Amino acid sequence: GKVVLFGGPHFRGTSTLEEAAPHCDVIATSMCEAQMCDVLGSIADGRLAPNRAQPLYIVDRANHFRYPDNFYQALQSRRWYQIPTIPTSIGCPYDCSFCAAYMQGKYLLRDVDTIYNEMAHSPGPIALICDATFGLKKQFTLDLMQRLAPLKKKIGVETTLARLQDTQVLEAMAAGGVTWLVVGIETVAAKLRKHG
């Protein structure tokens, strides 16, 4: 009796969509705020009802998705055992089939002051930067780490081997509070030029 929506960044590939289709009314492979408001409005006024024969597919083809500037307010609801996650970018310029980055093939950086505000408002001494691939733009990374350093946070990031080969970036990350580096080596395909 309820509208069921499946989706998110992990909904990639034909097999995932085919598996989900019989069990839901809406499949959102990506969704911007306007699309979400439209879906919720359609449910509220009865235009989108449960038990559809075929699910409605929603894709943000124009890449309108953005994190709100007041995203830091959501961090206040974290419990003591939950580590705050803060995005510094949206998307990833690579298009690896195994990954689930929003807006694959696109890469947009968030404002340094906005990120600082979120990190400053994150409870506790630990935070994760939840980018698919942190540090792709060197000068942005250097500026961001310098801005975050006074907060004395312990920060975890996910990055690539290529970033680890740049001593200046590593030193900036260490000064900015990065204490954990997660490096995925899911592919050694030279054509991706992602993992060095």
C-alpha atoms as a PDB file:
ATOM      1  CA  GLY A   1       0.000   0.000   0.000  1.00  0.00           C
ATOM      2  CA  LYS A   2       3.026   2.330  -0.066  1.00  0.00           C
ATOM      3  CA  VAL A   3       5.039   3.726  -2.944  1.00  0.00           C
ATOM      4  CA  VAL A   4       8.417   1.988  -2.895  1.00  0.00           C
ATOM      5  CA  LEU A   5      11.450   3.868  -4.221  1.00  0.00           C
ATOM      6  CA  PHE A   6      14.786   2.148  -4.819  1.00  0.00           C
ATOM      7  CA  GLY A   7      17.842   4.012  -5.870  1.00  0.00           C
ATOM      8  CA  GLY A   8      21.015   5.820  -5.147  1.00  0.00           C
ATOM      9  CA  PRO A   9      24.518   5.830  -6.529  1.00  0.00           C
ATOM     10  CA  HIS A  10      24.875   2.044  -6.398  1.00  0.00           C
ATOM     11  CA  PHE A  11      22.101   1.541  -8.921  1.00  0.00           C
ATOM     12  CA  ARG A  12      24.297   1.019 -11.959  1.00  0.00           C
ATOM     13  CA  GLY A  13      24.074  -1.390 -14.815  1.00  0.00           C
ATOM     14  CA  THR A  14      21.267  -3.291 -16.444  1.00  0.00           C
ATOM     15  CA  SER A  15      21.313  -6.250 -14.044  1.00  0.00           C
ATOM     16  CA  THR A  16      20.769  -4.044 -10.973  1.00  0.00           C
ATOM     17  CA  LEU A  17      17.848  -2.249 -12.596  1.00  0.00           C
ATOM     18  CA  GLU A  18      16.279  -5.505 -13.772  1.00  0.00           C
ATOM     19  CA  GLU A  19      16.613  -7.017 -10.297  1.00  0.00           C
ATOM     20  CA  ALA A  20      14.974  -4.005  -8.633  1.00  0.00           C
ATOM     21  CA  ALA A  21      12.139  -3.419 -11.128  1.00  0.00           C
ATOM     22  CA  PRO A  22       9.637  -6.076  -9.930  1.00  0.00           C
ATOM     23  CA  HIS A  23       9.922  -4.889  -6.331  1.00  0.00           C
ATOM     24  CA  CYS A  24       9.383  -1.138  -6.521  1.00  0.00           C
ATOM     25  CA  ASP A  25       7.392   1.700  -8.054  1.00  0.00           C
ATOM     26  CA  VAL A  26      10.254   4.129  -8.645  1.00  0.00           C
ATOM     27  CA  ILE A  27      13.909   3.597  -9.505  1.00  0.00           C
ATOM     28  CA  ALA A  28      16.160   6.628  -9.099  1.00  0.00           C
ATOM     29  CA  THR A  29      19.668   6.125 -10.414  1.00  0.00           C
ATOM     30  CA  SER A  30      20.411   9.704  -9.415  1.00  0.00           C
ATOM     31  CA  MET A  31      18.190  12.511  -8.245  1.00  0.00           C
ATOM     32  CA  CYS A  32      18.443  16.239  -7.730  1.00  0.00           C
ATOM     33  CA  GLU A  33      16.368  18.152  -5.181  1.00  0.00           C
ATOM     34  CA  ALA A  34      13.815  19.309  -7.767  1.00  0.00           C
ATOM     35  CA  GLN A  35      13.244  15.721  -8.913  1.00  0.00           C
ATOM     36  CA  MET A  36      12.832  14.496  -5.331  1.00  0.00           C
ATOM     37  CA  CYS A  37      10.306  17.265  -4.607  1.00  0.00           C
ATOM     38  CA  ASP A  38       8.419  16.309  -7.755  1.00  0.00           C
ATOM     39  CA  VAL A  39       8.303  12.628  -6.752  1.00  0.00           C
ATOM     40  CA  LEU A  40       7.143  13.438  -3.219  1.00  0.00           C
ATOM     41  CA  GLY A  41       4.537  15.856  -4.594  1.00  0.00           C
ATOM     42  CA  SER A  42       3.297  13.211  -7.028  1.00  0.00           C
ATOM     43  CA  ILE A  43       2.907  10.732  -4.173  1.00  0.00           C
ATOM     44  CA  ALA A  44       1.143  13.290  -1.967  1.00  0.00           C
ATOM     45  CA  ASP A  45      -1.429  14.251  -4.579  1.00  0.00           C
ATOM     46  CA  GLY A  46      -2.016  10.703  -5.838  1.00  0.00           C
ATOM     47  CA  ARG A  47      -0.426  11.031  -9.290  1.00  0.00           C
ATOM     48  CA  LEU A  48       2.128   8.386  -8.309  1.00  0.00           C
ATOM     49  CA  ALA A  49       0.436   5.361  -6.781  1.00  0.00           C
ATOM     50  CA  PRO A  50       1.841   2.074  -5.444  1.00  0.00           C
ATOM     51  CA  ASN A  51       1.879  -1.241  -7.308  1.00  0.00           C
ATOM     52  CA  ARG A  52       2.788   0.143 -10.720  1.00  0.00           C
ATOM     53  CA  ALA A  53       3.086  -2.396 -13.535  1.00  0.00           C
ATOM     54  CA  GLN A  54       6.438  -0.849 -14.509  1.00  0.00           C
ATOM     55  CA  PRO A  55       8.561   1.372 -12.279  1.00  0.00           C
ATOM     56  CA  LEU A  56       9.083   5.027 -13.034  1.00  0.00           C
ATOM     57  CA  TYR A  57      12.766   5.622 -13.828  1.00  0.00           C
ATOM     58  CA  ILE A  58      14.378   8.859 -12.640  1.00  0.00           C
ATOM     59  CA  VAL A  59      17.790   9.995 -13.852  1.00  0.00           C
ATOM     60  CA  ASP A  60      19.406  13.376 -13.277  1.00  0.00           C
ATOM     61  CA  ARG A  61      20.750  13.620 -16.831  1.00  0.00           C
ATOM     62  CA  ALA A  62      21.455  17.345 -16.490  1.00  0.00           C
ATOM     63  CA  ASN A  63      23.574  16.774 -13.349  1.00  0.00           C
ATOM     64  CA  HIS A  64      21.662  19.234 -11.183  1.00  0.00           C
ATOM     65  CA  PHE A  65      22.440  17.387  -7.942  1.00  0.00           C
ATOM     66  CA  ARG A  66      24.277  19.547  -5.381  1.00  0.00           C
ATOM     67  CA  TYR A  67      24.877  19.294  -1.656  1.00  0.00           C
ATOM     68  CA  PRO A  68      23.119  22.121   0.198  1.00  0.00           C
ATOM     69  CA  ASP A  69      25.190  24.836   1.869  1.00  0.00           C
ATOM     70  CA  ASN A  70      23.462  24.050   5.185  1.00  0.00           C
ATOM     71  CA  PHE A  71      24.442  20.374   5.023  1.00  0.00           C
ATOM     72  CA  TYR A  72      26.323  20.878   8.296  1.00  0.00           C
ATOM     73  CA  GLN A  73      22.983  21.007  10.146  1.00  0.00           C
ATOM     74  CA  ALA A  74      22.469  17.315   9.402  1.00  0.00           C
ATOM     75  CA  LEU A  75      25.716  16.521  11.212  1.00  0.00           C
ATOM     76  CA  GLN A  76      24.221  17.579  14.550  1.00  0.00           C
ATOM     77  CA  SER A  77      21.963  14.507  14.591  1.00  0.00           C
ATOM     78  CA  ARG A  78      24.933  12.120  14.586  1.00  0.00           C
ATOM     79  CA  ARG A  79      25.276   9.875  17.610  1.00  0.00           C
ATOM     80  CA  TRP A  80      28.582   9.490  19.453  1.00  0.00           C
ATOM     81  CA  TYR A  81      29.428   6.323  17.514  1.00  0.00           C
ATOM     82  CA  GLN A  82      28.658   7.755  14.067  1.00  0.00           C
ATOM     83  CA  ILE A  83      31.523   9.415  12.208  1.00  0.00           C
ATOM     84  CA  PRO A  84      30.494  12.576  10.330  1.00  0.00           C
ATOM     85  CA  THR A  85      30.957  12.326   6.560  1.00  0.00           C
ATOM     86  CA  ILE A  86      31.649  15.517   4.642  1.00  0.00           C
ATOM     87  CA  PRO A  87      31.822  15.808   0.839  1.00  0.00           C
ATOM     88  CA  THR A  88      34.334  18.166  -0.774  1.00  0.00           C
ATOM     89  CA  SER A  89      33.399  17.332  -4.351  1.00  0.00           C
ATOM     90  CA  ILE A  90      30.610  15.848  -6.392  1.00  0.00           C
ATOM     91  CA  GLY A  91      31.229  13.198  -8.993  1.00  0.00           C
ATOM     92  CA  CYS A  92      34.389  11.704 -10.391  1.00  0.00           C
ATOM     93  CA  PRO A  93      36.008  12.335 -13.764  1.00  0.00           C
ATOM     94  CA  TYR A  94      36.532   8.602 -14.228  1.00  0.00           C
ATOM     95  CA  ASP A  95      33.762   6.193 -15.203  1.00  0.00           C
ATOM     96  CA  CYS A  96      34.838   2.927 -13.615  1.00  0.00           C
ATOM     97  CA  SER A  97      32.196   0.205 -13.820  1.00  0.00           C
ATOM     98  CA  PHE A  98      32.899  -1.020 -10.267  1.00  0.00           C
ATOM     99  CA  CYS A  99      32.430   2.389  -8.639  1.00  0.00           C
ATOM    100  CA  ALA A 100      29.313   4.158  -7.442  1.00  0.00           C
ATOM    101  CA  ALA A 101      30.254   7.821  -7.579  1.00  0.00           C
ATOM    102  CA  TYR A 102      27.489  10.323  -8.228  1.00  0.00           C
ATOM    103  CA  MET A 103      27.787  11.978 -11.616  1.00  0.00           C
ATOM    104  CA  GLN A 104      30.528   9.756 -12.969  1.00  0.00           C
ATOM    105  CA  GLY A 105      32.410  11.544 -15.705  1.00  0.00           C
ATOM    106  CA  LYS A 106      31.782  14.926 -14.018  1.00  0.00           C
ATOM    107  CA  TYR A 107      33.808  16.497 -11.217  1.00  0.00           C
ATOM    108  CA  LEU A 108      32.632  19.571  -9.312  1.00  0.00           C
ATOM    109  CA  LEU A 109      34.371  21.056  -6.288  1.00  0.00           C
ATOM    110  CA  ARG A 110      32.505  22.542  -3.351  1.00  0.00           C
ATOM    111  CA  ASP A 111      33.367  25.889  -1.786  1.00  0.00           C
ATOM    112  CA  VAL A 112      36.291  25.711   0.691  1.00  0.00           C
ATOM    113  CA  ASP A 113      34.509  27.933   3.238  1.00  0.00           C
ATOM    114  CA  THR A 114      31.393  25.734   3.083  1.00  0.00           C
ATOM    115  CA  ILE A 115      33.502  22.623   3.687  1.00  0.00           C
ATOM    116  CA  TYR A 116      35.299  24.345   6.576  1.00  0.00           C
ATOM    117  CA  ASN A 117      31.926  25.265   8.117  1.00  0.00           C
ATOM    118  CA  GLU A 118      30.750  21.653   7.895  1.00  0.00           C
ATOM    119  CA  MET A 119      33.973  20.312   9.369  1.00  0.00           C
ATOM    120  CA  ALA A 120      33.866  22.910  12.172  1.00  0.00           C
ATOM    121  CA  HIS A 121      30.266  21.916  12.998  1.00  0.00           C
ATOM    122  CA  SER A 122      30.953  18.175  12.899  1.00  0.00           C
ATOM    123  CA  PRO A 123      30.792  16.752  16.410  1.00  0.00           C
ATOM    124  CA  GLY A 124      33.841  15.013  17.808  1.00  0.00           C
ATOM    125  CA  PRO A 125      37.455  14.899  16.708  1.00  0.00           C
ATOM    126  CA  ILE A 126      37.020  12.499  13.766  1.00  0.00           C
ATOM    127  CA  ALA A 127      35.487  13.052  10.311  1.00  0.00           C
ATOM    128  CA  LEU A 128      35.538  11.353   6.934  1.00  0.00           C
ATOM    129  CA  ILE A 129      35.778  13.197   3.649  1.00  0.00           C
ATOM    130  CA  CYS A 130      33.391  11.088   1.606  1.00  0.00           C
ATOM    131  CA  ASP A 131      34.539  11.919  -1.925  1.00  0.00           C
ATOM    132  CA  ALA A 132      34.790   9.074  -4.394  1.00  0.00           C
ATOM    133  CA  THR A 133      38.338  10.225  -5.151  1.00  0.00           C
ATOM    134  CA  PHE A 134      39.759  12.918  -2.896  1.00  0.00           C
ATOM    135  CA  GLY A 135      42.492  15.288  -3.999  1.00  0.00           C
ATOM    136  CA  LEU A 136      42.157  15.254  -7.778  1.00  0.00           C
ATOM    137  CA  LYS A 137      42.663  19.023  -8.045  1.00  0.00           C
ATOM    138  CA  LYS A 138      46.013  19.762  -6.451  1.00  0.00           C
ATOM    139  CA  GLN A 139      45.685  23.479  -5.660  1.00  0.00           C
ATOM    140  CA  PHE A 140      42.177  22.994  -4.261  1.00  0.00           C
ATOM    141  CA  THR A 141      43.481  20.197  -2.034  1.00  0.00           C
ATOM    142  CA  LEU A 142      46.383  22.319  -0.788  1.00  0.00           C
ATOM    143  CA  ASP A 143      44.064  25.274  -0.053  1.00  0.00           C
ATOM    144  CA  LEU A 144      41.477  23.082   1.673  1.00  0.00           C
ATOM    145  CA  MET A 145      43.991  21.329   3.896  1.00  0.00           C
ATOM    146  CA  GLN A 146      45.496  24.655   4.951  1.00  0.00           C
ATOM    147  CA  ARG A 147      42.006  25.923   5.834  1.00  0.00           C
ATOM    148  CA  LEU A 148      41.102  22.788   7.831  1.00  0.00           C
ATOM    149  CA  ALA A 149      44.387  22.533   9.765  1.00  0.00           C
ATOM    150  CA  PRO A 150      43.367  24.824  12.684  1.00  0.00           C
ATOM    151  CA  LEU A 151      40.401  22.534  13.460  1.00  0.00           C
ATOM    152  CA  LYS A 152      42.782  19.747  14.559  1.00  0.00           C
ATOM    153  CA  LYS A 153      40.415  17.039  13.290  1.00  0.00           C
ATOM    154  CA  LYS A 154      41.481  13.496  12.496  1.00  0.00           C
ATOM    155  CA  ILE A 155      40.306  13.017   8.933  1.00  0.00           C
ATOM    156  CA  GLY A 156      39.979   9.959   6.708  1.00  0.00           C
ATOM    157  CA  VAL A 157      39.944  10.168   2.909  1.00  0.00           C
ATOM    158  CA  GLU A 158      39.668   7.835  -0.071  1.00  0.00           C
ATOM    159  CA  THR A 159      42.122   8.616  -2.832  1.00  0.00           C
ATOM    160  CA  THR A 160      44.264   7.057  -5.552  1.00  0.00           C
ATOM    161  CA  LEU A 161      47.852   5.914  -5.788  1.00  0.00           C
ATOM    162  CA  ALA A 162      48.621   8.922  -7.984  1.00  0.00           C
ATOM    163  CA  ARG A 163      47.966  11.282  -5.036  1.00  0.00           C
ATOM    164  CA  LEU A 164      50.309   9.258  -2.863  1.00  0.00           C
ATOM    165  CA  GLN A 165      53.146   9.895  -5.297  1.00  0.00           C
ATOM    166  CA  ASP A 166      52.910  13.675  -4.750  1.00  0.00           C
ATOM    167  CA  THR A 167      54.905  14.622  -1.640  1.00  0.00           C
ATOM    168  CA  GLN A 168      53.458  18.141  -1.529  1.00  0.00           C
ATOM    169  CA  VAL A 169      49.899  16.793  -1.457  1.00  0.00           C
ATOM    170  CA  LEU A 170      50.777  14.199   1.203  1.00  0.00           C
ATOM    171  CA  GLU A 171      52.403  16.818   3.424  1.00  0.00           C
ATOM    172  CA  ALA A 172      49.398  19.135   2.994  1.00  0.00           C
ATOM    173  CA  MET A 173      46.988  16.327   3.879  1.00  0.00           C
ATOM    174  CA  ALA A 174      48.988  15.462   6.981  1.00  0.00           C
ATOM    175  CA  ALA A 175      49.063  19.133   8.060  1.00  0.00           C
ATOM    176  CA  GLY A 176      45.322  19.393   7.413  1.00  0.00           C
ATOM    177  CA  GLY A 177      44.530  16.474   9.698  1.00  0.00           C
ATOM    178  CA  VAL A 178      44.371  13.473   7.351  1.00  0.00           C
ATOM    179  CA  THR A 179      45.400  10.446   9.374  1.00  0.00           C
ATOM    180  CA  TRP A 180      43.745   7.672   7.322  1.00  0.00           C
ATOM    181  CA  LEU A 181      44.108   7.022   3.619  1.00  0.00           C
ATOM    182  CA  VAL A 182      41.970   4.443   1.863  1.00  0.00           C
ATOM    183  CA  VAL A 183      43.240   3.459  -1.572  1.00  0.00           C
ATOM    184  CA  GLY A 184      41.175   1.230  -3.823  1.00  0.00           C
ATOM    185  CA  ILE A 185      43.062  -0.864  -6.363  1.00  0.00           C
ATOM    186  CA  GLU A 186      40.088  -2.368  -8.143  1.00  0.00           C
ATOM    187  CA  THR A 187      41.677  -2.093 -11.568  1.00  0.00           C
ATOM    188  CA  VAL A 188      45.106  -2.122 -13.081  1.00  0.00           C
ATOM    189  CA  ALA A 189      43.798  -1.249 -16.548  1.00  0.00           C
ATOM    190  CA  ALA A 190      46.195   1.256 -18.058  1.00  0.00           C
ATOM    191  CA  LYS A 191      43.440   2.853 -20.136  1.00  0.00           C
ATOM    192  CA  LEU A 192      41.778   4.302 -17.009  1.00  0.00           C
ATOM    193  CA  ARG A 193      44.986   6.043 -15.837  1.00  0.00           C
ATOM    194  CA  LYS A 194      43.376   6.124 -12.413  1.00  0.00           C
ATOM    195  CA  HIS A 195      45.595   4.034 -10.200  1.00  0.00           C
ATOM    196  CA  GLY A 196      49.015   4.697 -11.644  1.00  0.00           C
END
